[in-house]
PDB file of N, CA and C in Angstrom:
ATOM      1  N   UNK A   1       0.328 -54.538  62.449  1.00  0.00           N
ATOM      2  CA  UNK A   1       0.928 -54.800  61.432  1.00  0.00           C
ATOM      3  C   UNK A   1       1.866 -54.008  60.661  1.00  0.00           C
ATOM      4  N   UNK A   2       2.757 -54.293  59.854  1.00  0.00           N
ATOM      5  CA  UNK A   2       4.005 -53.611  59.620  1.00  0.00           C
ATOM      6  C   UNK A   2       4.024 -53.583  58.058  1.00  0.00           C
ATOM      7  N   UNK A   3       3.940 -52.161  57.595  1.00  0.00           N
ATOM      8  CA  UNK A   3       3.957 -51.862  56.318  1.00  0.00           C
ATOM      9  C   UNK A   3       5.269 -51.615  55.689  1.00  0.00           C
ATOM     10  N   UNK A   4       5.728 -52.165  54.458  1.00  0.00           N
ATOM     11  CA  UNK A   4       7.151 -51.569  54.152  1.00  0.00           C
ATOM     12  C   UNK A   4       7.033 -50.607  53.110  1.00  0.00           C
ATOM     13  N   UNK A   5       7.144 -49.386  52.947  1.00  0.00           N
ATOM     14  CA  UNK A   5       7.234 -48.874  51.766  1.00  0.00           C
ATOM     15  C   UNK A   5       9.027 -48.565  51.227  1.00  0.00           C
ATOM     16  N   UNK A   6       9.044 -48.919  50.105  1.00  0.00           N
ATOM     17  CA  UNK A   6      10.088 -48.888  49.403  1.00  0.00           C
ATOM     18  C   UNK A   6      10.363 -47.559  48.831  1.00  0.00           C
ATOM     19  N   UNK A   7      11.256 -46.486  49.385  1.00  0.00           N
ATOM     20  CA  UNK A   7      11.422 -45.134  48.475  1.00  0.00           C
ATOM     21  C   UNK A   7      12.822 -45.219  47.669  1.00  0.00           C
ATOM     22  N   UNK A   8      13.616 -46.062  48.026  1.00  0.00           N
ATOM     23  CA  UNK A   8      14.924 -46.062  47.331  1.00  0.00           C
ATOM     24  C   UNK A   8      14.686 -45.548  46.029  1.00  0.00           C
ATOM     25  N   UNK A   9      15.994 -44.662  45.736  1.00  0.00           N
ATOM     26  CA  UNK A   9      15.992 -43.798  44.608  1.00  0.00           C
ATOM     27  C   UNK A   9      15.054 -42.421  44.545  1.00  0.00           C
ATOM     28  N   UNK A  10      14.403 -42.380  45.369  1.00  0.00           N
ATOM     29  CA  UNK A  10      13.436 -41.164  45.357  1.00  0.00           C
ATOM     30  C   UNK A  10      13.822 -40.036  46.070  1.00  0.00           C
ATOM     31  N   UNK A  11      13.925 -38.851  45.649  1.00  0.00           N
ATOM     32  CA  UNK A  11      14.308 -37.636  46.533  1.00  0.00           C
ATOM     33  C   UNK A  11      13.260 -36.558  47.142  1.00  0.00           C
ATOM     34  N   UNK A  12      13.963 -36.331  47.657  1.00  0.00           N
ATOM     35  CA  UNK A  12      13.182 -35.265  48.582  1.00  0.00           C
ATOM     36  C   UNK A  12      11.868 -34.653  47.790  1.00  0.00           C
ATOM     37  N   UNK A  13      10.625 -35.073  48.073  1.00  0.00           N
ATOM     38  CA  UNK A  13       9.997 -35.008  49.201  1.00  0.00           C
ATOM     39  C   UNK A  13       9.542 -36.618  48.993  1.00  0.00           C
ATOM     40  N   UNK A  14       9.980 -36.992  48.057  1.00  0.00           N
ATOM     41  CA  UNK A  14       9.372 -38.633  47.679  1.00  0.00           C
ATOM     42  C   UNK A  14       9.624 -39.493  48.895  1.00  0.00           C
ATOM     43  N   UNK A  15      10.255 -39.416  49.754  1.00  0.00           N
ATOM     44  CA  UNK A  15      10.221 -40.742  50.741  1.00  0.00           C
ATOM     45  C   UNK A  15       9.139 -40.342  51.656  1.00  0.00           C
ATOM     46  N   UNK A  16       8.869 -38.806  51.963  1.00  0.00           N
ATOM     47  CA  UNK A  16       8.033 -38.556  53.127  1.00  0.00           C
ATOM     48  C   UNK A  16       6.860 -38.994  52.574  1.00  0.00           C
ATOM     49  N   UNK A  17       6.685 -38.502  51.395  1.00  0.00           N
ATOM     50  CA  UNK A  17       5.292 -38.727  50.831  1.00  0.00           C
ATOM     51  C   UNK A  17       4.772 -39.634  50.604  1.00  0.00           C
ATOM     52  N   UNK A  18       5.847 -41.049  50.242  1.00  0.00           N
ATOM     53  CA  UNK A  18       5.249 -42.357  50.606  1.00  0.00           C
ATOM     54  C   UNK A  18       4.856 -42.742  51.714  1.00  0.00           C
ATOM     55  N   UNK A  19       5.682 -42.171  52.608  1.00  0.00           N
ATOM     56  CA  UNK A  19       5.291 -42.622  53.998  1.00  0.00           C
ATOM     57  C   UNK A  19       3.893 -42.412  54.406  1.00  0.00           C
ATOM     58  N   UNK A  20       3.969 -40.896  54.127  1.00  0.00           N
ATOM     59  CA  UNK A  20       1.932 -40.551  54.399  1.00  0.00           C
ATOM     60  C   UNK A  20       1.194 -40.861  53.816  1.00  0.00           C
ATOM     61  N   UNK A  21       1.277 -41.561  52.394  1.00  0.00           N
ATOM     62  CA  UNK A  21       0.221 -42.308  51.744  1.00  0.00           C
ATOM     63  C   UNK A  21      -0.006 -43.558  52.306  1.00  0.00           C
ATOM     64  N   UNK A  22       1.107 -43.996  53.061  1.00  0.00           N
ATOM     65  CA  UNK A  22       0.845 -45.405  53.917  1.00  0.00           C
ATOM     66  C   UNK A  22       0.047 -45.262  55.274  1.00  0.00           C
ATOM     67  N   UNK A  23       0.660 -44.069  55.777  1.00  0.00           N
ATOM     68  CA  UNK A  23      -0.046 -43.658  56.963  1.00  0.00           C
ATOM     69  C   UNK A  23      -1.373 -43.558  56.979  1.00  0.00           C
ATOM     70  N   UNK A  24      -2.245 -42.797  55.909  1.00  0.00           N
ATOM     71  CA  UNK A  24      -3.477 -42.670  55.587  1.00  0.00           C
ATOM     72  C   UNK A  24      -4.226 -43.730  55.445  1.00  0.00           C
ATOM     73  N   UNK A  25      -3.697 -44.837  55.334  1.00  0.00           N
ATOM     74  CA  UNK A  25      -4.702 -46.219  55.467  1.00  0.00           C
ATOM     75  C   UNK A  25      -3.932 -46.893  56.484  1.00  0.00           C
ATOM     76  N   UNK A  26      -3.042 -46.600  57.658  1.00  0.00           N
ATOM     77  CA  UNK A  26      -2.748 -47.376  58.837  1.00  0.00           C
ATOM     78  C   UNK A  26      -3.390 -47.062  59.901  1.00  0.00           C
ATOM     79  N   UNK A  27      -3.699 -48.078  60.638  1.00  0.00           N
ATOM     80  CA  UNK A  27      -4.324 -47.896  62.073  1.00  0.00           C
ATOM     81  C   UNK A  27      -3.583 -47.763  63.309  1.00  0.00           C
ATOM     82  N   UNK A  28      -3.936 -47.061  64.272  1.00  0.00           N
ATOM     83  CA  UNK A  28      -3.058 -46.562  65.659  1.00  0.00           C
ATOM     84  C   UNK A  28      -2.402 -48.231  65.856  1.00  0.00           C
ATOM     85  N   UNK A  29      -0.953 -48.146  65.950  1.00  0.00           N
ATOM     86  CA  UNK A  29      -0.337 -49.551  66.425  1.00  0.00           C
ATOM     87  C   UNK A  29       0.442 -50.163  65.385  1.00  0.00           C
ATOM     88  N   UNK A  30      -0.173 -49.943  64.251  1.00  0.00           N
ATOM     89  CA  UNK A  30       0.607 -50.107  63.109  1.00  0.00           C
ATOM     90  C   UNK A  30       2.010 -49.574  62.898  1.00  0.00           C
ATOM     91  N   UNK A  31       2.988 -50.229  62.463  1.00  0.00           N
ATOM     92  CA  UNK A  31       4.044 -50.070  62.148  1.00  0.00           C
ATOM     93  C   UNK A  31       4.551 -49.882  60.611  1.00  0.00           C
ATOM     94  N   UNK A  32       5.188 -48.531  60.080  1.00  0.00           N
ATOM     95  CA  UNK A  32       5.658 -48.516  58.726  1.00  0.00           C
ATOM     96  C   UNK A  32       7.189 -48.429  58.908  1.00  0.00           C
ATOM     97  N   UNK A  33       7.566 -49.227  57.949  1.00  0.00           N
ATOM     98  CA  UNK A  33       9.281 -49.371  57.747  1.00  0.00           C
ATOM     99  C   UNK A  33       9.291 -48.390  56.117  1.00  0.00           C
ATOM    100  N   UNK A  34      10.530 -47.667  56.386  1.00  0.00           N
ATOM    101  CA  UNK A  34      10.393 -46.681  54.968  1.00  0.00           C
ATOM    102  C   UNK A  34      12.146 -46.902  54.868  1.00  0.00           C
ATOM    103  N   UNK A  35      12.145 -47.916  53.400  1.00  0.00           N
ATOM    104  CA  UNK A  35      13.364 -47.671  52.810  1.00  0.00           C
ATOM    105  C   UNK A  35      13.824 -46.933  52.317  1.00  0.00           C
ATOM    106  N   UNK A  36      15.086 -45.750  52.225  1.00  0.00           N
ATOM    107  CA  UNK A  36      15.178 -44.657  51.587  1.00  0.00           C
ATOM    108  C   UNK A  36      16.784 -44.476  51.273  1.00  0.00           C
ATOM    109  N   UNK A  37      16.895 -43.912  50.040  1.00  0.00           N
ATOM    110  CA  UNK A  37      18.348 -43.574  49.985  1.00  0.00           C
ATOM    111  C   UNK A  37      18.702 -41.959  49.952  1.00  0.00           C
ATOM    112  N   UNK A  38      17.350 -41.251  50.217  1.00  0.00           N
ATOM    113  CA  UNK A  38      17.898 -39.724  50.492  1.00  0.00           C
ATOM    114  C   UNK A  38      18.291 -39.536  52.022  1.00  0.00           C
ATOM    115  N   UNK A  39      19.334 -39.025  52.157  1.00  0.00           N
ATOM    116  CA  UNK A  39      19.700 -38.859  53.790  1.00  0.00           C
ATOM    117  C   UNK A  39      18.941 -37.669  54.178  1.00  0.00           C
ATOM    118  N   UNK A  40      18.164 -36.592  53.649  1.00  0.00           N
ATOM    119  CA  UNK A  40      16.922 -36.209  53.978  1.00  0.00           C
ATOM    120  C   UNK A  40      16.071 -36.623  54.560  1.00  0.00           C
ATOM    121  N   UNK A  41      15.624 -37.834  54.420  1.00  0.00           N
ATOM    122  CA  UNK A  41      14.435 -38.761  54.885  1.00  0.00           C
ATOM    123  C   UNK A  41      14.664 -38.936  56.299  1.00  0.00           C
ATOM    124  N   UNK A  42      15.734 -38.833  56.503  1.00  0.00           N
ATOM    125  CA  UNK A  42      15.848 -39.193  58.215  1.00  0.00           C
ATOM    126  C   UNK A  42      15.193 -38.063  59.152  1.00  0.00           C
ATOM    127  N   UNK A  43      15.812 -36.744  58.638  1.00  0.00           N
ATOM    128  CA  UNK A  43      15.319 -35.499  59.294  1.00  0.00           C
ATOM    129  C   UNK A  43      13.922 -35.072  59.138  1.00  0.00           C
ATOM    130  N   UNK A  44      13.527 -35.466  57.866  1.00  0.00           N
ATOM    131  CA  UNK A  44      12.461 -35.300  57.457  1.00  0.00           C
ATOM    132  C   UNK A  44      11.166 -36.273  58.151  1.00  0.00           C
ATOM    133  N   UNK A  45      11.349 -37.046  58.181  1.00  0.00           N
ATOM    134  CA  UNK A  45      10.712 -38.319  59.068  1.00  0.00           C
ATOM    135  C   UNK A  45      10.099 -37.955  60.640  1.00  0.00           C
ATOM    136  N   UNK A  46      11.498 -37.884  61.094  1.00  0.00           N
ATOM    137  CA  UNK A  46      11.812 -37.273  62.396  1.00  0.00           C
ATOM    138  C   UNK A  46      10.568 -36.204  62.746  1.00  0.00           C
ATOM    139  N   UNK A  47      10.974 -35.151  62.136  1.00  0.00           N
ATOM    140  CA  UNK A  47      10.164 -33.799  62.385  1.00  0.00           C
ATOM    141  C   UNK A  47       8.569 -34.178  61.941  1.00  0.00           C
ATOM    142  N   UNK A  48       8.284 -35.011  60.860  1.00  0.00           N
ATOM    143  CA  UNK A  48       7.077 -35.159  60.547  1.00  0.00           C
ATOM    144  C   UNK A  48       6.295 -36.200  61.715  1.00  0.00           C
ATOM    145  N   UNK A  49       7.151 -37.126  62.057  1.00  0.00           N
ATOM    146  CA  UNK A  49       6.495 -37.685  63.609  1.00  0.00           C
ATOM    147  C   UNK A  49       6.420 -37.335  64.743  1.00  0.00           C
ATOM    148  N   UNK A  50       7.088 -36.157  64.831  1.00  0.00           N
ATOM    149  CA  UNK A  50       6.751 -35.412  66.259  1.00  0.00           C
ATOM    150  C   UNK A  50       6.090 -34.438  66.053  1.00  0.00           C
ATOM    151  N   UNK A  51       5.723 -33.548  64.903  1.00  0.00           N
ATOM    152  CA  UNK A  51       4.699 -32.741  64.330  1.00  0.00           C
ATOM    153  C   UNK A  51       2.983 -33.730  64.486  1.00  0.00           C
ATOM    154  N   UNK A  52       3.201 -34.717  63.825  1.00  0.00           N
ATOM    155  CA  UNK A  52       1.817 -35.413  63.900  1.00  0.00           C
ATOM    156  C   UNK A  52       1.393 -36.555  64.835  1.00  0.00           C
ATOM    157  N   UNK A  53       2.454 -36.123  66.004  1.00  0.00           N
ATOM    158  CA  UNK A  53       1.930 -37.351  67.296  1.00  0.00           C
ATOM    159  C   UNK A  53       2.777 -38.962  67.260  1.00  0.00           C
ATOM    160  N   UNK A  54       3.167 -39.132  66.357  1.00  0.00           N
ATOM    161  CA  UNK A  54       3.614 -40.581  65.763  1.00  0.00           C
ATOM    162  C   UNK A  54       4.849 -40.905  66.429  1.00  0.00           C
ATOM    163  N   UNK A  55       5.341 -42.185  66.587  1.00  0.00           N
ATOM    164  CA  UNK A  55       6.954 -42.552  67.095  1.00  0.00           C
ATOM    165  C   UNK A  55       8.085 -42.690  66.263  1.00  0.00           C
ATOM    166  N   UNK A  56       8.791 -42.519  65.900  1.00  0.00           N
ATOM    167  CA  UNK A  56      10.261 -42.975  65.165  1.00  0.00           C
ATOM    168  C   UNK A  56      10.658 -44.439  66.152  1.00  0.00           C
ATOM    169  N   UNK A  57      10.386 -45.283  65.828  1.00  0.00           N
ATOM    170  CA  UNK A  57      11.039 -46.471  66.354  1.00  0.00           C
ATOM    171  C   UNK A  57      12.799 -46.781  66.507  1.00  0.00           C
ATOM    172  N   UNK A  58      13.466 -46.661  64.962  1.00  0.00           N
ATOM    173  CA  UNK A  58      14.491 -46.865  64.492  1.00  0.00           C
ATOM    174  C   UNK A  58      14.703 -46.315  63.387  1.00  0.00           C
ATOM    175  N   UNK A  59      15.995 -45.747  63.586  1.00  0.00           N
ATOM    176  CA  UNK A  59      16.642 -45.330  62.687  1.00  0.00           C
ATOM    177  C   UNK A  59      17.933 -46.044  61.957  1.00  0.00           C
ATOM    178  N   UNK A  60      18.001 -46.879  61.168  1.00  0.00           N
ATOM    179  CA  UNK A  60      19.352 -47.361  60.868  1.00  0.00           C
ATOM    180  C   UNK A  60      19.950 -47.286  59.444  1.00  0.00           C
ATOM    181  N   UNK A  61      21.178 -47.015  59.634  1.00  0.00           N
ATOM    182  CA  UNK A  61      21.688 -47.038  58.150  1.00  0.00           C
ATOM    183  C   UNK A  61      22.306 -48.463  57.661  1.00  0.00           C
ATOM    184  N   UNK A  62      21.415 -48.638  57.020  1.00  0.00           N
ATOM    185  CA  UNK A  62      21.912 -50.641  55.704  1.00  0.00           C
ATOM    186  C   UNK A  62      22.804 -49.859  54.880  1.00  0.00           C
ATOM    187  N   UNK A  63      23.404 -50.745  54.475  1.00  0.00           N
ATOM    188  CA  UNK A  63      24.250 -50.915  53.256  1.00  0.00           C
ATOM    189  C   UNK A  63      23.728 -49.803  52.029  1.00  0.00           C
ATOM    190  N   UNK A  64      24.323 -48.880  51.843  1.00  0.00           N
ATOM    191  CA  UNK A  64      23.557 -47.958  51.040  1.00  0.00           C
ATOM    192  C   UNK A  64      22.310 -47.336  50.746  1.00  0.00           C
ATOM    193  N   UNK A  65      21.227 -47.624  52.183  1.00  0.00           N
ATOM    194  CA  UNK A  65      20.326 -46.860  52.280  1.00  0.00           C
ATOM    195  C   UNK A  65      19.930 -46.719  53.919  1.00  0.00           C
ATOM    196  N   UNK A  66      18.762 -46.294  54.293  1.00  0.00           N
ATOM    197  CA  UNK A  66      18.389 -46.147  55.338  1.00  0.00           C
ATOM    198  C   UNK A  66      16.726 -46.741  55.600  1.00  0.00           C
ATOM    199  N   UNK A  67      16.544 -47.220  56.949  1.00  0.00           N
ATOM    200  CA  UNK A  67      15.606 -48.285  57.248  1.00  0.00           C
ATOM    201  C   UNK A  67      15.095 -47.189  58.501  1.00  0.00           C
ATOM    202  N   UNK A  68      13.988 -46.709  58.328  1.00  0.00           N
ATOM    203  CA  UNK A  68      13.224 -45.971  59.085  1.00  0.00           C
ATOM    204  C   UNK A  68      12.000 -46.327  59.866  1.00  0.00           C
ATOM    205  N   UNK A  69      11.420 -46.805  60.831  1.00  0.00           N
ATOM    206  CA  UNK A  69      10.289 -47.486  61.309  1.00  0.00           C
ATOM    207  C   UNK A  69       9.687 -46.600  62.158  1.00  0.00           C
ATOM    208  N   UNK A  70       8.518 -46.635  61.935  1.00  0.00           N
ATOM    209  CA  UNK A  70       7.800 -45.647  62.128  1.00  0.00           C
ATOM    210  C   UNK A  70       6.137 -45.915  62.972  1.00  0.00           C
ATOM    211  N   UNK A  71       6.084 -46.056  64.419  1.00  0.00           N
ATOM    212  CA  UNK A  71       4.956 -46.636  64.937  1.00  0.00           C
ATOM    213  C   UNK A  71       3.902 -45.332  64.762  1.00  0.00           C
ATOM    214  N   UNK A  72       2.885 -45.984  64.243  1.00  0.00           N
ATOM    215  CA  UNK A  72       1.724 -45.179  64.231  1.00  0.00           C
ATOM    216  C   UNK A  72       0.847 -44.882  65.544  1.00  0.00           C
ATOM    217  N   UNK A  73       1.012 -43.882  66.149  1.00  0.00           N
ATOM    218  CA  UNK A  73       0.398 -43.928  67.632  1.00  0.00           C
ATOM    219  C   UNK A  73      -1.075 -42.693  67.278  1.00  0.00           C
ATOM    220  N   UNK A  74      -1.398 -42.139  66.325  1.00  0.00           N
ATOM    221  CA  UNK A  74      -2.484 -41.692  65.982  1.00  0.00           C
ATOM    222  C   UNK A  74      -3.145 -41.988  64.395  1.00  0.00           C
ATOM    223  N   UNK A  75      -4.519 -42.556  64.526  1.00  0.00           N
ATOM    224  CA  UNK A  75      -4.598 -43.050  63.157  1.00  0.00           C
ATOM    225  C   UNK A  75      -4.173 -41.686  62.092  1.00  0.00           C
ATOM    226  N   UNK A  76      -3.994 -42.575  60.782  1.00  0.00           N
ATOM    227  CA  UNK A  76      -3.872 -41.546  59.809  1.00  0.00           C
ATOM    228  C   UNK A  76      -5.119 -41.234  59.144  1.00  0.00           C
ATOM    229  N   UNK A  77      -4.576 -40.290  58.567  1.00  0.00           N
ATOM    230  CA  UNK A  77      -6.046 -39.417  57.574  1.00  0.00           C
ATOM    231  C   UNK A  77      -5.335 -38.592  56.613  1.00  0.00           C
TER     232      UNK A  77
END
Protein backbone atom coordinates (compact mmCIF):
# COMPACT_ATOMS: atom_id res chain seq x y z
CA UNK A 1 0.00 0.00 0.00
CA UNK A 2 1.20 3.55 -0.67
CA UNK A 3 0.46 6.28 1.83
CA UNK A 4 0.84 9.95 0.92
CA UNK A 5 2.00 12.35 3.62
CA UNK A 6 1.60 16.00 2.63
CA UNK A 7 3.98 18.06 4.76
CA UNK A 8 4.28 20.97 2.34
CA UNK A 9 4.63 24.24 4.23
CA UNK A 10 6.06 22.48 7.30
CA UNK A 11 9.65 23.09 8.36
CA UNK A 12 12.20 20.95 10.17
CA UNK A 13 11.49 18.66 11.92
CA UNK A 14 7.87 18.64 10.67
CA UNK A 15 8.24 16.60 7.46
CA UNK A 16 10.28 13.88 9.17
CA UNK A 17 7.90 13.83 12.14
CA UNK A 18 4.93 13.32 9.81
CA UNK A 19 6.78 10.56 7.94
CA UNK A 20 7.56 8.74 11.19
CA UNK A 21 3.88 8.94 12.25
CA UNK A 22 2.89 7.19 9.01
CA UNK A 23 5.74 4.69 9.43
CA UNK A 24 4.52 3.63 12.87
CA UNK A 25 1.28 2.31 11.38
CA UNK A 26 2.88 0.90 8.21
CA UNK A 27 3.61 -2.70 7.36
CA UNK A 28 6.71 -4.11 5.68
CA UNK A 29 6.40 -3.60 1.93
CA UNK A 30 4.35 -0.39 2.21
CA UNK A 31 5.55 2.78 0.54
CA UNK A 32 5.27 6.23 2.07
CA UNK A 33 5.29 9.19 -0.29
CA UNK A 34 6.31 12.39 1.47
CA UNK A 35 5.58 15.76 -0.12
CA UNK A 36 7.71 18.50 1.43
CA UNK A 37 8.80 22.05 0.70
CA UNK A 38 11.58 22.03 3.31
CA UNK A 39 14.87 21.33 1.46
CA UNK A 40 16.28 19.72 4.61
CA UNK A 41 13.72 16.93 4.29
CA UNK A 42 15.83 15.25 1.60
CA UNK A 43 18.83 14.72 3.86
CA UNK A 44 16.73 14.15 7.00
CA UNK A 45 14.69 11.37 5.39
CA UNK A 46 17.75 9.78 3.80
CA UNK A 47 19.57 9.69 7.15
CA UNK A 48 16.49 8.34 8.97
CA UNK A 49 15.95 5.60 6.35
CA UNK A 50 19.56 4.46 6.61
CA UNK A 51 19.44 4.43 10.41
CA UNK A 52 16.07 2.67 10.61
CA UNK A 53 16.81 0.04 7.96
CA UNK A 54 14.32 1.32 5.39
CA UNK A 55 14.90 2.33 1.78
CA UNK A 56 14.54 5.62 -0.08
CA UNK A 57 13.21 4.68 -3.52
CA UNK A 58 13.07 8.15 -5.02
CA UNK A 59 13.75 11.79 -4.30
CA UNK A 60 12.37 14.05 -6.99
CA UNK A 61 12.25 17.82 -7.27
CA UNK A 62 8.76 18.78 -8.37
CA UNK A 63 7.63 22.33 -9.07
CA UNK A 64 8.00 24.01 -5.68
CA UNK A 65 8.29 20.89 -3.52
CA UNK A 66 10.07 17.55 -3.14
CA UNK A 67 8.53 14.09 -3.53
CA UNK A 68 10.33 11.48 -1.46
CA UNK A 69 9.25 7.84 -1.62
CA UNK A 70 10.34 5.48 1.15
CA UNK A 71 9.83 1.71 1.12
CA UNK A 72 9.16 0.23 4.53
CA UNK A 73 11.57 -2.66 4.86
CA UNK A 74 11.22 -2.98 8.62
CA UNK A 75 7.79 -2.86 10.22
CA UNK A 76 6.94 0.48 11.81
CA UNK A 77 6.95 0.85 15.57
